[in-house]
Amino acid sequence: MRLTQRTSFNKVFVIFSISLNIIFLASLIFVCITFKNKILDKIGYSSTVSVVMFGDSLIEKGDWENILGRSDVRNSGVGGFTTSHLEIILKDRVLKFNPKICYLNGGINDILTGIPYARTKHNINSIIDTLQKHNIDVALQSVLYGSDPKIIPKIDSLNQLYIQIAKAKKIDYINVNNVLSSDKRLIKKYSLDGLHVNKQAYALWAELINKHISKNNF
């Protein structure tokens, strides 16, 4: 009887230990995924960063290091951020890495949250001026179309502004809509939710970036 009880206890103990280990590993994986950028910042993202992808969730969700095929890429995108937020985090997310080039993408959250056009203009100009002051090249990317037709005029206005800014600052403007949109709509097969894009879309986006990198020897 005692032997049976001891055996049952041992089985329960083993199951309990395995369960704890599974929970611990699952928690560790969750933390690593959730706080990936912060962890990498602490331990050193890369000995050399040549390219920084900077923007909102459209940048953050891209696996840029893999799709660009190089290890000196920093993903500095932050989901939900407006251009005002991007201006605030510019030092920690871009300047401290001293890259050769920063690919800047942002503005859709400004539109969705009703930030005044003039404020977005100020923020983008300020970000570019600061990067250039630190001898970091900048390429300004278009605001992507989504599936909501109501905000198309605002996206058009912002993209026209970005083209003007790029000319004035003598930087390149990369129109990502050329490969991901049709008739001022995000192509359905590239869309996850009418706003964010899938892996197929990121692959096409990366081709544009790689062409620009090759052309300018970054």
N, C-alpha and C. Protein backbone atom coordinates (compact mmCIF):
# COMPACT_ATOMS: atom_id res chain seq x y z
N MET A 1 0.83 -1.20 0.00
CA MET A 1 0.00 0.00 0.00
C MET A 1 0.87 1.26 0.00
N ARG A 2 1.89 1.23 0.89
CA ARG A 2 2.80 2.38 0.96
C ARG A 2 3.57 2.56 -0.34
N LEU A 3 3.96 1.42 -0.95
CA LEU A 3 4.69 1.47 -2.21
C LEU A 3 3.84 2.10 -3.30
N THR A 4 2.57 1.74 -3.34
CA THR A 4 1.65 2.30 -4.32
C THR A 4 1.49 3.79 -4.13
N GLN A 5 1.35 4.20 -2.86
CA GLN A 5 1.21 5.64 -2.55
C GLN A 5 2.46 6.40 -2.96
N ARG A 6 3.63 5.79 -2.68
CA ARG A 6 4.90 6.45 -3.03
C ARG A 6 5.03 6.58 -4.55
N THR A 7 4.64 5.52 -5.27
CA THR A 7 4.71 5.56 -6.73
C THR A 7 3.79 6.65 -7.30
N SER A 8 2.59 6.73 -6.74
CA SER A 8 1.63 7.75 -7.18
C SER A 8 2.17 9.15 -6.90
N PHE A 9 2.78 9.30 -5.73
CA PHE A 9 3.36 10.59 -5.36
C PHE A 9 4.48 10.99 -6.34
N ASN A 10 5.32 9.99 -6.67
CA ASN A 10 6.42 10.27 -7.60
C ASN A 10 5.90 10.68 -8.97
N LYS A 11 4.83 10.01 -9.44
CA LYS A 11 4.25 10.37 -10.73
C LYS A 11 3.70 11.79 -10.71
N VAL A 12 3.00 12.13 -9.62
CA VAL A 12 2.44 13.48 -9.50
C VAL A 12 3.56 14.52 -9.46
N PHE A 13 4.63 14.21 -8.72
CA PHE A 13 5.77 15.12 -8.61
C PHE A 13 6.43 15.35 -9.97
N VAL A 14 6.62 14.25 -10.73
CA VAL A 14 7.24 14.36 -12.05
C VAL A 14 6.37 15.20 -12.99
N ILE A 15 5.06 14.93 -12.98
CA ILE A 15 4.13 15.68 -13.83
C ILE A 15 4.14 17.15 -13.45
N PHE A 16 4.16 17.41 -12.14
CA PHE A 16 4.18 18.79 -11.65
C PHE A 16 5.46 19.51 -12.09
N SER A 17 6.59 18.82 -11.99
CA SER A 17 7.88 19.40 -12.38
C SER A 17 7.92 19.71 -13.88
N ILE A 18 7.43 18.76 -14.68
CA ILE A 18 7.40 18.97 -16.13
C ILE A 18 6.50 20.15 -16.48
N SER A 19 5.35 20.23 -15.80
CA SER A 19 4.42 21.33 -16.05
C SER A 19 5.05 22.68 -15.73
N LEU A 20 5.77 22.73 -14.59
CA LEU A 20 6.44 23.97 -14.22
C LEU A 20 7.48 24.38 -15.25
N ASN A 21 8.23 23.40 -15.73
CA ASN A 21 9.26 23.69 -16.74
C ASN A 21 8.64 24.20 -18.05
N ILE A 22 7.52 23.59 -18.45
CA ILE A 22 6.83 24.02 -19.66
C ILE A 22 6.33 25.45 -19.51
N ILE A 23 5.74 25.74 -18.34
CA ILE A 23 5.24 27.09 -18.07
C ILE A 23 6.39 28.10 -18.09
N PHE A 24 7.51 27.71 -17.47
CA PHE A 24 8.67 28.60 -17.42
C PHE A 24 9.21 28.89 -18.82
N LEU A 25 9.35 27.84 -19.64
CA LEU A 25 9.86 28.02 -20.99
C LEU A 25 8.91 28.85 -21.86
N ALA A 26 7.61 28.59 -21.70
CA ALA A 26 6.62 29.35 -22.46
C ALA A 26 6.66 30.83 -22.07
N SER A 27 6.81 31.09 -20.77
CA SER A 27 6.89 32.46 -20.29
C SER A 27 8.14 33.15 -20.81
N LEU A 28 9.24 32.41 -20.82
CA LEU A 28 10.51 32.96 -21.30
C LEU A 28 10.43 33.31 -22.78
N ILE A 29 9.83 32.43 -23.57
CA ILE A 29 9.66 32.68 -25.01
C ILE A 29 8.77 33.91 -25.23
N PHE A 30 7.68 34.00 -24.45
CA PHE A 30 6.77 35.14 -24.57
C PHE A 30 7.48 36.44 -24.27
N VAL A 31 8.27 36.47 -23.19
CA VAL A 31 9.00 37.68 -22.80
C VAL A 31 10.01 38.06 -23.88
N CYS A 32 10.72 37.07 -24.40
CA CYS A 32 11.73 37.34 -25.43
C CYS A 32 11.12 37.92 -26.69
N ILE A 33 9.96 37.39 -27.09
CA ILE A 33 9.29 37.90 -28.29
C ILE A 33 8.73 39.29 -28.05
N THR A 34 8.07 39.48 -26.89
CA THR A 34 7.43 40.75 -26.59
C THR A 34 8.42 41.88 -26.42
N PHE A 35 9.52 41.58 -25.74
CA PHE A 35 10.50 42.63 -25.44
C PHE A 35 11.79 42.45 -26.22
N LYS A 36 11.67 41.90 -27.44
CA LYS A 36 12.84 41.59 -28.24
C LYS A 36 13.76 42.78 -28.42
N ASN A 37 13.20 43.93 -28.85
CA ASN A 37 14.03 45.09 -29.13
C ASN A 37 14.72 45.62 -27.88
N LYS A 38 14.01 45.62 -26.74
CA LYS A 38 14.62 46.10 -25.51
C LYS A 38 15.74 45.19 -25.04
N ILE A 39 15.53 43.89 -25.20
CA ILE A 39 16.57 42.93 -24.80
C ILE A 39 17.80 43.09 -25.70
N LEU A 40 17.55 43.23 -27.00
CA LEU A 40 18.66 43.39 -27.93
C LEU A 40 19.40 44.69 -27.69
N ASP A 41 18.68 45.73 -27.28
CA ASP A 41 19.33 46.99 -26.96
C ASP A 41 20.31 46.83 -25.80
N LYS A 42 19.92 46.00 -24.82
CA LYS A 42 20.75 45.81 -23.64
C LYS A 42 21.99 44.99 -23.92
N ILE A 43 21.84 43.94 -24.75
CA ILE A 43 22.97 43.04 -24.96
C ILE A 43 23.80 43.42 -26.20
N GLY A 44 23.28 44.42 -26.96
CA GLY A 44 24.00 44.82 -28.16
C GLY A 44 23.38 44.19 -29.38
N TYR A 45 22.69 44.98 -30.17
CA TYR A 45 21.93 44.45 -31.31
C TYR A 45 22.86 43.90 -32.38
N SER A 46 23.91 44.64 -32.67
CA SER A 46 24.89 44.20 -33.66
C SER A 46 26.13 45.03 -33.46
N SER A 47 27.28 44.47 -33.76
CA SER A 47 28.51 45.23 -33.60
C SER A 47 28.53 46.42 -34.56
N THR A 48 27.85 46.27 -35.69
CA THR A 48 27.77 47.35 -36.68
C THR A 48 26.35 47.44 -37.22
N VAL A 49 25.81 48.65 -37.22
CA VAL A 49 24.50 48.89 -37.81
C VAL A 49 24.67 49.88 -38.95
N SER A 50 24.40 49.44 -40.15
CA SER A 50 24.51 50.31 -41.33
C SER A 50 23.16 50.84 -41.78
N VAL A 51 22.11 50.03 -41.55
CA VAL A 51 20.78 50.36 -42.04
C VAL A 51 19.78 50.32 -40.88
N VAL A 52 19.03 51.41 -40.71
CA VAL A 52 17.97 51.44 -39.71
C VAL A 52 16.63 51.63 -40.42
N MET A 53 15.70 50.72 -40.14
CA MET A 53 14.33 50.85 -40.60
C MET A 53 13.54 51.49 -39.46
N PHE A 54 13.01 52.68 -39.71
CA PHE A 54 12.42 53.49 -38.64
C PHE A 54 10.99 53.88 -38.98
N GLY A 55 10.07 53.59 -38.06
CA GLY A 55 8.68 53.94 -38.32
C GLY A 55 7.73 53.30 -37.34
N ASP A 56 6.50 53.07 -37.78
CA ASP A 56 5.45 52.54 -36.93
C ASP A 56 5.35 51.02 -37.08
N SER A 57 4.15 50.46 -36.89
CA SER A 57 3.99 49.00 -36.91
C SER A 57 4.29 48.39 -38.28
N LEU A 58 4.11 49.16 -39.34
CA LEU A 58 4.42 48.64 -40.68
C LEU A 58 5.91 48.32 -40.80
N ILE A 59 6.72 49.07 -40.11
CA ILE A 59 8.15 48.77 -40.05
C ILE A 59 8.42 47.68 -39.01
N GLU A 60 7.84 47.83 -37.85
CA GLU A 60 8.09 46.90 -36.74
C GLU A 60 7.81 45.45 -37.12
N LYS A 61 6.76 45.22 -37.88
CA LYS A 61 6.34 43.85 -38.20
C LYS A 61 7.18 43.21 -39.31
N GLY A 62 8.08 43.97 -39.91
CA GLY A 62 8.93 43.41 -40.96
C GLY A 62 10.17 42.73 -40.40
N ASP A 63 10.47 41.56 -40.89
CA ASP A 63 11.69 40.84 -40.49
C ASP A 63 12.83 41.30 -41.40
N TRP A 64 13.22 42.54 -41.22
CA TRP A 64 14.09 43.23 -42.17
C TRP A 64 15.47 42.59 -42.32
N GLU A 65 16.03 42.13 -41.22
CA GLU A 65 17.37 41.54 -41.30
C GLU A 65 17.38 40.35 -42.26
N ASN A 66 16.34 39.53 -42.17
CA ASN A 66 16.26 38.34 -43.03
C ASN A 66 15.86 38.69 -44.46
N ILE A 67 14.88 39.54 -44.63
CA ILE A 67 14.39 39.80 -45.98
C ILE A 67 15.34 40.72 -46.77
N LEU A 68 16.16 41.49 -46.05
CA LEU A 68 17.18 42.28 -46.74
C LEU A 68 18.46 41.48 -46.93
N GLY A 69 18.58 40.37 -46.20
CA GLY A 69 19.71 39.48 -46.37
C GLY A 69 21.02 40.03 -45.84
N ARG A 70 20.96 40.74 -44.72
CA ARG A 70 22.18 41.27 -44.12
C ARG A 70 22.00 41.41 -42.61
N SER A 71 23.12 41.34 -41.90
CA SER A 71 23.06 41.32 -40.43
C SER A 71 23.24 42.69 -39.79
N ASP A 72 23.50 43.72 -40.61
CA ASP A 72 23.76 45.05 -40.06
C ASP A 72 22.53 45.95 -40.16
N VAL A 73 21.36 45.34 -40.00
CA VAL A 73 20.09 46.06 -40.10
C VAL A 73 19.44 46.16 -38.73
N ARG A 74 18.96 47.32 -38.39
CA ARG A 74 18.26 47.54 -37.12
C ARG A 74 16.79 47.84 -37.40
N ASN A 75 15.89 47.05 -36.81
CA ASN A 75 14.46 47.31 -36.90
C ASN A 75 14.08 48.22 -35.74
N SER A 76 13.82 49.48 -36.04
CA SER A 76 13.46 50.45 -35.00
C SER A 76 12.02 50.91 -35.14
N GLY A 77 11.18 50.03 -35.66
CA GLY A 77 9.76 50.35 -35.74
C GLY A 77 9.05 50.11 -34.43
N VAL A 78 8.05 50.95 -34.14
CA VAL A 78 7.26 50.80 -32.92
C VAL A 78 5.78 50.94 -33.27
N GLY A 79 5.02 49.90 -33.01
CA GLY A 79 3.61 49.88 -33.35
C GLY A 79 2.81 50.98 -32.68
N GLY A 80 1.92 51.62 -33.44
CA GLY A 80 1.02 52.63 -32.90
C GLY A 80 1.60 54.02 -32.81
N PHE A 81 2.88 54.17 -33.15
CA PHE A 81 3.53 55.48 -32.98
C PHE A 81 3.18 56.43 -34.12
N THR A 82 2.98 57.69 -33.75
CA THR A 82 2.80 58.77 -34.71
C THR A 82 4.17 59.39 -35.00
N THR A 83 4.20 60.35 -35.92
CA THR A 83 5.47 61.02 -36.19
C THR A 83 5.96 61.82 -34.99
N SER A 84 5.03 62.24 -34.14
CA SER A 84 5.44 62.93 -32.90
C SER A 84 6.22 61.98 -31.99
N HIS A 85 5.73 60.75 -31.88
CA HIS A 85 6.44 59.74 -31.08
C HIS A 85 7.80 59.42 -31.70
N LEU A 86 7.83 59.31 -33.02
CA LEU A 86 9.08 58.97 -33.70
C LEU A 86 10.13 60.05 -33.46
N GLU A 87 9.71 61.30 -33.45
CA GLU A 87 10.65 62.38 -33.17
C GLU A 87 11.24 62.26 -31.77
N ILE A 88 10.41 61.85 -30.82
CA ILE A 88 10.85 61.73 -29.43
C ILE A 88 11.88 60.61 -29.26
N ILE A 89 11.68 59.47 -29.96
CA ILE A 89 12.55 58.31 -29.75
C ILE A 89 13.71 58.26 -30.75
N LEU A 90 13.86 59.30 -31.55
CA LEU A 90 14.88 59.29 -32.61
C LEU A 90 16.27 59.01 -32.07
N LYS A 91 16.61 59.60 -30.95
CA LYS A 91 17.96 59.43 -30.39
C LYS A 91 18.22 57.98 -30.02
N ASP A 92 17.29 57.38 -29.27
CA ASP A 92 17.50 56.01 -28.78
C ASP A 92 17.31 54.95 -29.85
N ARG A 93 16.49 55.25 -30.85
CA ARG A 93 16.16 54.23 -31.85
C ARG A 93 16.97 54.32 -33.14
N VAL A 94 17.61 55.49 -33.34
CA VAL A 94 18.38 55.64 -34.58
C VAL A 94 19.77 56.23 -34.32
N LEU A 95 19.82 57.41 -33.73
CA LEU A 95 21.08 58.14 -33.62
C LEU A 95 22.17 57.35 -32.90
N LYS A 96 21.80 56.65 -31.85
CA LYS A 96 22.83 55.96 -31.06
C LYS A 96 23.49 54.81 -31.82
N PHE A 97 22.86 54.36 -32.90
CA PHE A 97 23.45 53.28 -33.70
C PHE A 97 24.37 53.81 -34.81
N ASN A 98 24.27 55.13 -35.06
CA ASN A 98 25.10 55.79 -36.07
C ASN A 98 25.12 55.02 -37.40
N PRO A 99 23.95 54.79 -37.98
CA PRO A 99 23.90 54.03 -39.25
C PRO A 99 24.33 54.89 -40.43
N LYS A 100 24.52 54.25 -41.57
CA LYS A 100 24.80 54.98 -42.80
C LYS A 100 23.51 55.58 -43.36
N ILE A 101 22.41 54.83 -43.23
CA ILE A 101 21.15 55.23 -43.84
C ILE A 101 19.98 54.89 -42.93
N CYS A 102 19.00 55.79 -42.88
CA CYS A 102 17.76 55.54 -42.15
C CYS A 102 16.60 55.59 -43.14
N TYR A 103 15.84 54.50 -43.21
CA TYR A 103 14.65 54.45 -44.06
C TYR A 103 13.44 54.81 -43.20
N LEU A 104 12.92 56.00 -43.43
CA LEU A 104 11.87 56.57 -42.58
C LEU A 104 10.49 56.32 -43.18
N ASN A 105 9.61 55.77 -42.35
CA ASN A 105 8.23 55.52 -42.77
C ASN A 105 7.30 55.84 -41.62
N GLY A 106 6.34 56.71 -41.84
CA GLY A 106 5.39 57.05 -40.78
C GLY A 106 4.37 58.04 -41.30
N GLY A 107 3.30 58.20 -40.54
CA GLY A 107 2.28 59.17 -40.90
C GLY A 107 0.87 58.63 -40.91
N ILE A 108 0.72 57.31 -41.12
CA ILE A 108 -0.64 56.76 -41.16
C ILE A 108 -1.33 56.89 -39.81
N ASN A 109 -0.58 56.76 -38.72
CA ASN A 109 -1.19 56.91 -37.40
C ASN A 109 -1.55 58.37 -37.10
N ASP A 110 -0.81 59.29 -37.70
CA ASP A 110 -1.17 60.71 -37.60
C ASP A 110 -2.55 60.93 -38.21
N ILE A 111 -2.75 60.32 -39.39
CA ILE A 111 -4.03 60.45 -40.08
C ILE A 111 -5.15 59.81 -39.25
N LEU A 112 -4.91 58.59 -38.77
CA LEU A 112 -5.95 57.85 -38.05
C LEU A 112 -6.32 58.47 -36.72
N THR A 113 -5.39 59.20 -36.11
CA THR A 113 -5.65 59.82 -34.79
C THR A 113 -5.96 61.31 -34.89
N GLY A 114 -6.01 61.82 -36.11
CA GLY A 114 -6.42 63.21 -36.31
C GLY A 114 -5.37 64.26 -35.99
N ILE A 115 -4.10 63.89 -36.06
CA ILE A 115 -3.04 64.87 -35.82
C ILE A 115 -3.04 65.87 -36.98
N PRO A 116 -2.96 67.16 -36.66
CA PRO A 116 -2.98 68.18 -37.72
C PRO A 116 -1.87 67.99 -38.74
N TYR A 117 -2.19 68.27 -39.98
CA TYR A 117 -1.27 68.13 -41.10
C TYR A 117 0.03 68.91 -40.84
N ALA A 118 -0.13 70.12 -40.31
CA ALA A 118 1.04 70.98 -40.05
C ALA A 118 1.98 70.35 -39.03
N ARG A 119 1.42 69.63 -38.07
CA ARG A 119 2.24 68.99 -37.05
C ARG A 119 3.05 67.84 -37.66
N THR A 120 2.41 67.06 -38.49
CA THR A 120 3.13 65.97 -39.17
C THR A 120 4.27 66.53 -40.01
N LYS A 121 3.99 67.59 -40.73
CA LYS A 121 5.02 68.25 -41.55
C LYS A 121 6.20 68.68 -40.70
N HIS A 122 5.91 69.30 -39.57
CA HIS A 122 6.97 69.74 -38.66
C HIS A 122 7.79 68.56 -38.17
N ASN A 123 7.11 67.48 -37.77
CA ASN A 123 7.80 66.31 -37.22
C ASN A 123 8.74 65.67 -38.24
N ILE A 124 8.24 65.46 -39.45
CA ILE A 124 9.05 64.82 -40.49
C ILE A 124 10.27 65.69 -40.83
N ASN A 125 10.05 66.99 -40.96
CA ASN A 125 11.16 67.90 -41.23
C ASN A 125 12.19 67.86 -40.11
N SER A 126 11.71 67.83 -38.88
CA SER A 126 12.60 67.81 -37.73
C SER A 126 13.43 66.53 -37.68
N ILE A 127 12.78 65.40 -37.94
CA ILE A 127 13.48 64.10 -37.93
C ILE A 127 14.57 64.09 -39.00
N ILE A 128 14.23 64.53 -40.19
CA ILE A 128 15.20 64.53 -41.29
C ILE A 128 16.36 65.49 -40.99
N ASP A 129 16.03 66.68 -40.49
CA ASP A 129 17.07 67.66 -40.16
C ASP A 129 18.05 67.10 -39.12
N THR A 130 17.50 66.40 -38.12
CA THR A 130 18.36 65.84 -37.07
C THR A 130 19.25 64.73 -37.61
N LEU A 131 18.70 63.89 -38.44
CA LEU A 131 19.49 62.81 -39.04
C LEU A 131 20.61 63.38 -39.91
N GLN A 132 20.29 64.37 -40.72
CA GLN A 132 21.30 64.97 -41.58
C GLN A 132 22.37 65.69 -40.77
N LYS A 133 21.96 66.30 -39.67
CA LYS A 133 22.91 66.97 -38.79
C LYS A 133 23.94 65.98 -38.25
N HIS A 134 23.52 64.71 -38.09
CA HIS A 134 24.41 63.66 -37.58
C HIS A 134 25.03 62.85 -38.73
N ASN A 135 24.98 63.41 -39.92
CA ASN A 135 25.59 62.79 -41.11
C ASN A 135 25.03 61.40 -41.42
N ILE A 136 23.74 61.24 -41.18
CA ILE A 136 23.04 60.00 -41.50
C ILE A 136 22.15 60.25 -42.71
N ASP A 137 22.34 59.48 -43.76
CA ASP A 137 21.50 59.62 -44.94
C ASP A 137 20.08 59.17 -44.61
N VAL A 138 19.13 59.77 -45.31
CA VAL A 138 17.71 59.47 -45.07
C VAL A 138 17.01 59.18 -46.39
N ALA A 139 16.15 58.19 -46.38
CA ALA A 139 15.23 57.96 -47.50
C ALA A 139 13.82 57.98 -46.92
N LEU A 140 12.99 58.85 -47.45
CA LEU A 140 11.62 59.00 -46.96
C LEU A 140 10.69 58.12 -47.78
N GLN A 141 9.91 57.30 -47.09
CA GLN A 141 9.03 56.35 -47.78
C GLN A 141 7.57 56.80 -47.74
N SER A 142 6.83 56.40 -48.73
CA SER A 142 5.43 56.81 -48.84
C SER A 142 4.58 56.22 -47.72
N VAL A 143 3.49 56.92 -47.44
CA VAL A 143 2.46 56.38 -46.55
C VAL A 143 1.67 55.37 -47.37
N LEU A 144 1.52 54.15 -46.86
CA LEU A 144 0.84 53.11 -47.62
C LEU A 144 -0.68 53.32 -47.64
N TYR A 145 -1.27 53.01 -48.78
CA TYR A 145 -2.73 52.98 -48.85
C TYR A 145 -3.24 51.76 -48.08
N GLY A 146 -4.47 51.87 -47.60
CA GLY A 146 -5.11 50.75 -46.94
C GLY A 146 -6.35 50.36 -47.72
N SER A 147 -7.36 49.89 -47.01
CA SER A 147 -8.60 49.50 -47.68
C SER A 147 -9.73 50.50 -47.42
N ASP A 148 -9.47 51.52 -46.61
CA ASP A 148 -10.49 52.51 -46.26
C ASP A 148 -10.46 53.67 -47.26
N PRO A 149 -11.46 53.79 -48.12
CA PRO A 149 -11.45 54.85 -49.14
C PRO A 149 -11.58 56.26 -48.56
N LYS A 150 -12.09 56.37 -47.32
CA LYS A 150 -12.33 57.69 -46.73
C LYS A 150 -11.05 58.45 -46.43
N ILE A 151 -9.96 57.71 -46.22
CA ILE A 151 -8.72 58.41 -45.86
C ILE A 151 -7.75 58.55 -47.05
N ILE A 152 -8.18 58.13 -48.23
CA ILE A 152 -7.32 58.24 -49.41
C ILE A 152 -6.87 59.68 -49.66
N PRO A 153 -7.79 60.68 -49.62
CA PRO A 153 -7.35 62.06 -49.86
C PRO A 153 -6.28 62.52 -48.87
N LYS A 154 -6.39 62.08 -47.62
CA LYS A 154 -5.40 62.48 -46.62
C LYS A 154 -4.05 61.81 -46.88
N ILE A 155 -4.10 60.54 -47.31
CA ILE A 155 -2.86 59.84 -47.65
C ILE A 155 -2.21 60.50 -48.86
N ASP A 156 -3.02 60.86 -49.86
CA ASP A 156 -2.49 61.54 -51.04
C ASP A 156 -1.83 62.86 -50.66
N SER A 157 -2.48 63.61 -49.80
CA SER A 157 -1.94 64.91 -49.39
C SER A 157 -0.61 64.73 -48.65
N LEU A 158 -0.55 63.72 -47.78
CA LEU A 158 0.67 63.50 -47.02
C LEU A 158 1.80 63.03 -47.93
N ASN A 159 1.48 62.17 -48.88
CA ASN A 159 2.52 61.70 -49.81
C ASN A 159 3.02 62.83 -50.71
N GLN A 160 2.14 63.71 -51.12
CA GLN A 160 2.59 64.87 -51.89
C GLN A 160 3.50 65.76 -51.05
N LEU A 161 3.16 65.90 -49.78
CA LEU A 161 4.02 66.66 -48.87
C LEU A 161 5.39 65.99 -48.75
N TYR A 162 5.41 64.67 -48.62
CA TYR A 162 6.67 63.94 -48.48
C TYR A 162 7.55 64.09 -49.73
N ILE A 163 6.92 64.09 -50.89
CA ILE A 163 7.67 64.29 -52.13
C ILE A 163 8.32 65.68 -52.14
N GLN A 164 7.57 66.68 -51.70
CA GLN A 164 8.09 68.04 -51.63
C GLN A 164 9.23 68.15 -50.63
N ILE A 165 9.05 67.50 -49.46
CA ILE A 165 10.09 67.53 -48.44
C ILE A 165 11.36 66.85 -48.95
N ALA A 166 11.19 65.71 -49.60
CA ALA A 166 12.34 64.97 -50.12
C ALA A 166 13.13 65.82 -51.12
N LYS A 167 12.43 66.52 -51.99
CA LYS A 167 13.10 67.39 -52.95
C LYS A 167 13.82 68.52 -52.25
N ALA A 168 13.15 69.13 -51.27
CA ALA A 168 13.75 70.26 -50.56
C ALA A 168 14.97 69.85 -49.75
N LYS A 169 14.93 68.66 -49.17
CA LYS A 169 16.03 68.17 -48.34
C LYS A 169 17.09 67.42 -49.15
N LYS A 170 16.81 67.25 -50.46
CA LYS A 170 17.71 66.53 -51.36
C LYS A 170 17.95 65.09 -50.90
N ILE A 171 16.84 64.43 -50.57
CA ILE A 171 16.90 63.02 -50.19
C ILE A 171 16.00 62.23 -51.12
N ASP A 172 16.12 60.92 -51.11
CA ASP A 172 15.31 60.08 -51.97
C ASP A 172 13.95 59.80 -51.35
N TYR A 173 12.95 59.73 -52.21
CA TYR A 173 11.59 59.36 -51.82
C TYR A 173 11.29 58.00 -52.44
N ILE A 174 10.93 57.04 -51.62
CA ILE A 174 10.64 55.69 -52.10
C ILE A 174 9.14 55.45 -52.04
N ASN A 175 8.53 55.27 -53.19
CA ASN A 175 7.08 55.07 -53.27
C ASN A 175 6.75 53.58 -53.17
N VAL A 176 6.47 53.12 -51.98
CA VAL A 176 6.17 51.70 -51.75
C VAL A 176 4.81 51.33 -52.36
N ASN A 177 3.95 52.33 -52.52
CA ASN A 177 2.64 52.07 -53.12
C ASN A 177 2.75 51.57 -54.55
N ASN A 178 3.87 51.87 -55.22
CA ASN A 178 4.06 51.42 -56.59
C ASN A 178 4.01 49.89 -56.72
N VAL A 179 4.41 49.20 -55.66
CA VAL A 179 4.44 47.73 -55.73
C VAL A 179 3.37 47.06 -54.87
N LEU A 180 2.80 47.79 -53.92
CA LEU A 180 1.84 47.16 -53.01
C LEU A 180 0.40 47.61 -53.20
N SER A 181 0.20 48.65 -54.01
CA SER A 181 -1.15 49.20 -54.17
C SER A 181 -1.56 49.27 -55.63
N SER A 182 -2.87 49.33 -55.83
CA SER A 182 -3.44 49.51 -57.16
C SER A 182 -4.70 50.34 -57.02
N ASP A 183 -4.84 51.36 -57.88
CA ASP A 183 -6.01 52.25 -57.81
C ASP A 183 -6.19 52.84 -56.41
N LYS A 184 -5.08 53.20 -55.80
CA LYS A 184 -5.06 53.82 -54.48
C LYS A 184 -5.68 52.93 -53.39
N ARG A 185 -5.51 51.62 -53.55
CA ARG A 185 -5.93 50.64 -52.56
C ARG A 185 -4.79 49.65 -52.35
N LEU A 186 -4.59 49.25 -51.12
CA LEU A 186 -3.65 48.17 -50.84
C LEU A 186 -4.18 46.91 -51.51
N ILE A 187 -3.34 46.29 -52.34
CA ILE A 187 -3.75 45.08 -53.05
C ILE A 187 -4.13 43.99 -52.04
N LYS A 188 -5.30 43.40 -52.24
CA LYS A 188 -5.88 42.49 -51.26
C LYS A 188 -4.97 41.34 -50.88
N LYS A 189 -4.26 40.78 -51.85
CA LYS A 189 -3.42 39.61 -51.57
C LYS A 189 -2.21 39.96 -50.71
N TYR A 190 -1.91 41.24 -50.55
CA TYR A 190 -0.80 41.68 -49.70
C TYR A 190 -1.27 42.14 -48.33
N SER A 191 -2.57 42.16 -48.12
CA SER A 191 -3.14 42.74 -46.90
C SER A 191 -3.44 41.69 -45.83
N LEU A 192 -3.19 42.06 -44.58
CA LEU A 192 -3.59 41.23 -43.44
C LEU A 192 -4.93 41.67 -42.89
N ASP A 193 -5.11 43.00 -42.79
CA ASP A 193 -6.32 43.52 -42.15
C ASP A 193 -6.80 44.82 -42.78
N GLY A 194 -6.34 45.10 -43.99
CA GLY A 194 -6.72 46.35 -44.63
C GLY A 194 -5.77 47.48 -44.33
N LEU A 195 -4.77 47.22 -43.50
CA LEU A 195 -3.79 48.24 -43.14
C LEU A 195 -2.37 47.67 -43.10
N HIS A 196 -2.21 46.56 -42.38
CA HIS A 196 -0.91 45.91 -42.27
C HIS A 196 -0.72 44.92 -43.42
N VAL A 197 0.55 44.57 -43.68
CA VAL A 197 0.85 43.74 -44.84
C VAL A 197 1.48 42.41 -44.45
N ASN A 198 1.45 41.47 -45.40
CA ASN A 198 1.94 40.12 -45.13
C ASN A 198 3.38 39.92 -45.60
N LYS A 199 3.88 38.69 -45.48
CA LYS A 199 5.27 38.40 -45.83
C LYS A 199 5.55 38.63 -47.31
N GLN A 200 4.57 38.32 -48.15
CA GLN A 200 4.75 38.51 -49.58
C GLN A 200 4.96 40.00 -49.90
N ALA A 201 4.19 40.83 -49.21
CA ALA A 201 4.32 42.28 -49.40
C ALA A 201 5.68 42.77 -48.91
N TYR A 202 6.11 42.27 -47.75
CA TYR A 202 7.41 42.69 -47.22
C TYR A 202 8.55 42.29 -48.16
N ALA A 203 8.41 41.16 -48.82
CA ALA A 203 9.44 40.73 -49.77
C ALA A 203 9.57 41.73 -50.92
N LEU A 204 8.44 42.22 -51.42
CA LEU A 204 8.47 43.22 -52.50
C LEU A 204 9.01 44.55 -51.99
N TRP A 205 8.61 44.89 -50.79
CA TRP A 205 9.09 46.13 -50.16
C TRP A 205 10.61 46.06 -50.01
N ALA A 206 11.10 44.92 -49.56
CA ALA A 206 12.54 44.73 -49.36
C ALA A 206 13.31 44.86 -50.67
N GLU A 207 12.71 44.45 -51.77
CA GLU A 207 13.36 44.59 -53.07
C GLU A 207 13.62 46.07 -53.39
N LEU A 208 12.66 46.91 -53.07
CA LEU A 208 12.84 48.35 -53.28
C LEU A 208 13.99 48.89 -52.43
N ILE A 209 14.02 48.45 -51.17
CA ILE A 209 15.06 48.92 -50.26
C ILE A 209 16.43 48.42 -50.73
N ASN A 210 16.51 47.17 -51.12
CA ASN A 210 17.79 46.61 -51.56
C ASN A 210 18.30 47.29 -52.83
N LYS A 211 17.40 47.64 -53.73
CA LYS A 211 17.80 48.38 -54.94
C LYS A 211 18.39 49.73 -54.56
N HIS A 212 17.77 50.37 -53.58
CA HIS A 212 18.26 51.69 -53.14
C HIS A 212 19.61 51.54 -52.43
N ILE A 213 19.74 50.49 -51.62
CA ILE A 213 21.01 50.23 -50.93
C ILE A 213 22.14 49.97 -51.93
N SER A 214 21.85 49.15 -52.92
CA SER A 214 22.87 48.82 -53.93
C SER A 214 23.27 50.04 -54.74
N LYS A 215 22.28 50.83 -55.12
CA LYS A 215 22.53 52.03 -55.92
C LYS A 215 23.43 53.02 -55.20
N ASN A 216 23.26 53.10 -53.86
CA ASN A 216 23.99 54.10 -53.08
C ASN A 216 25.13 53.52 -52.25
N ASN A 217 25.38 52.21 -52.42
CA ASN A 217 26.49 51.54 -51.73
C ASN A 217 26.44 51.69 -50.21
N PHE A 218 25.28 51.50 -49.66
CA PHE A 218 25.14 51.55 -48.19
C PHE A 218 25.48 50.20 -47.59
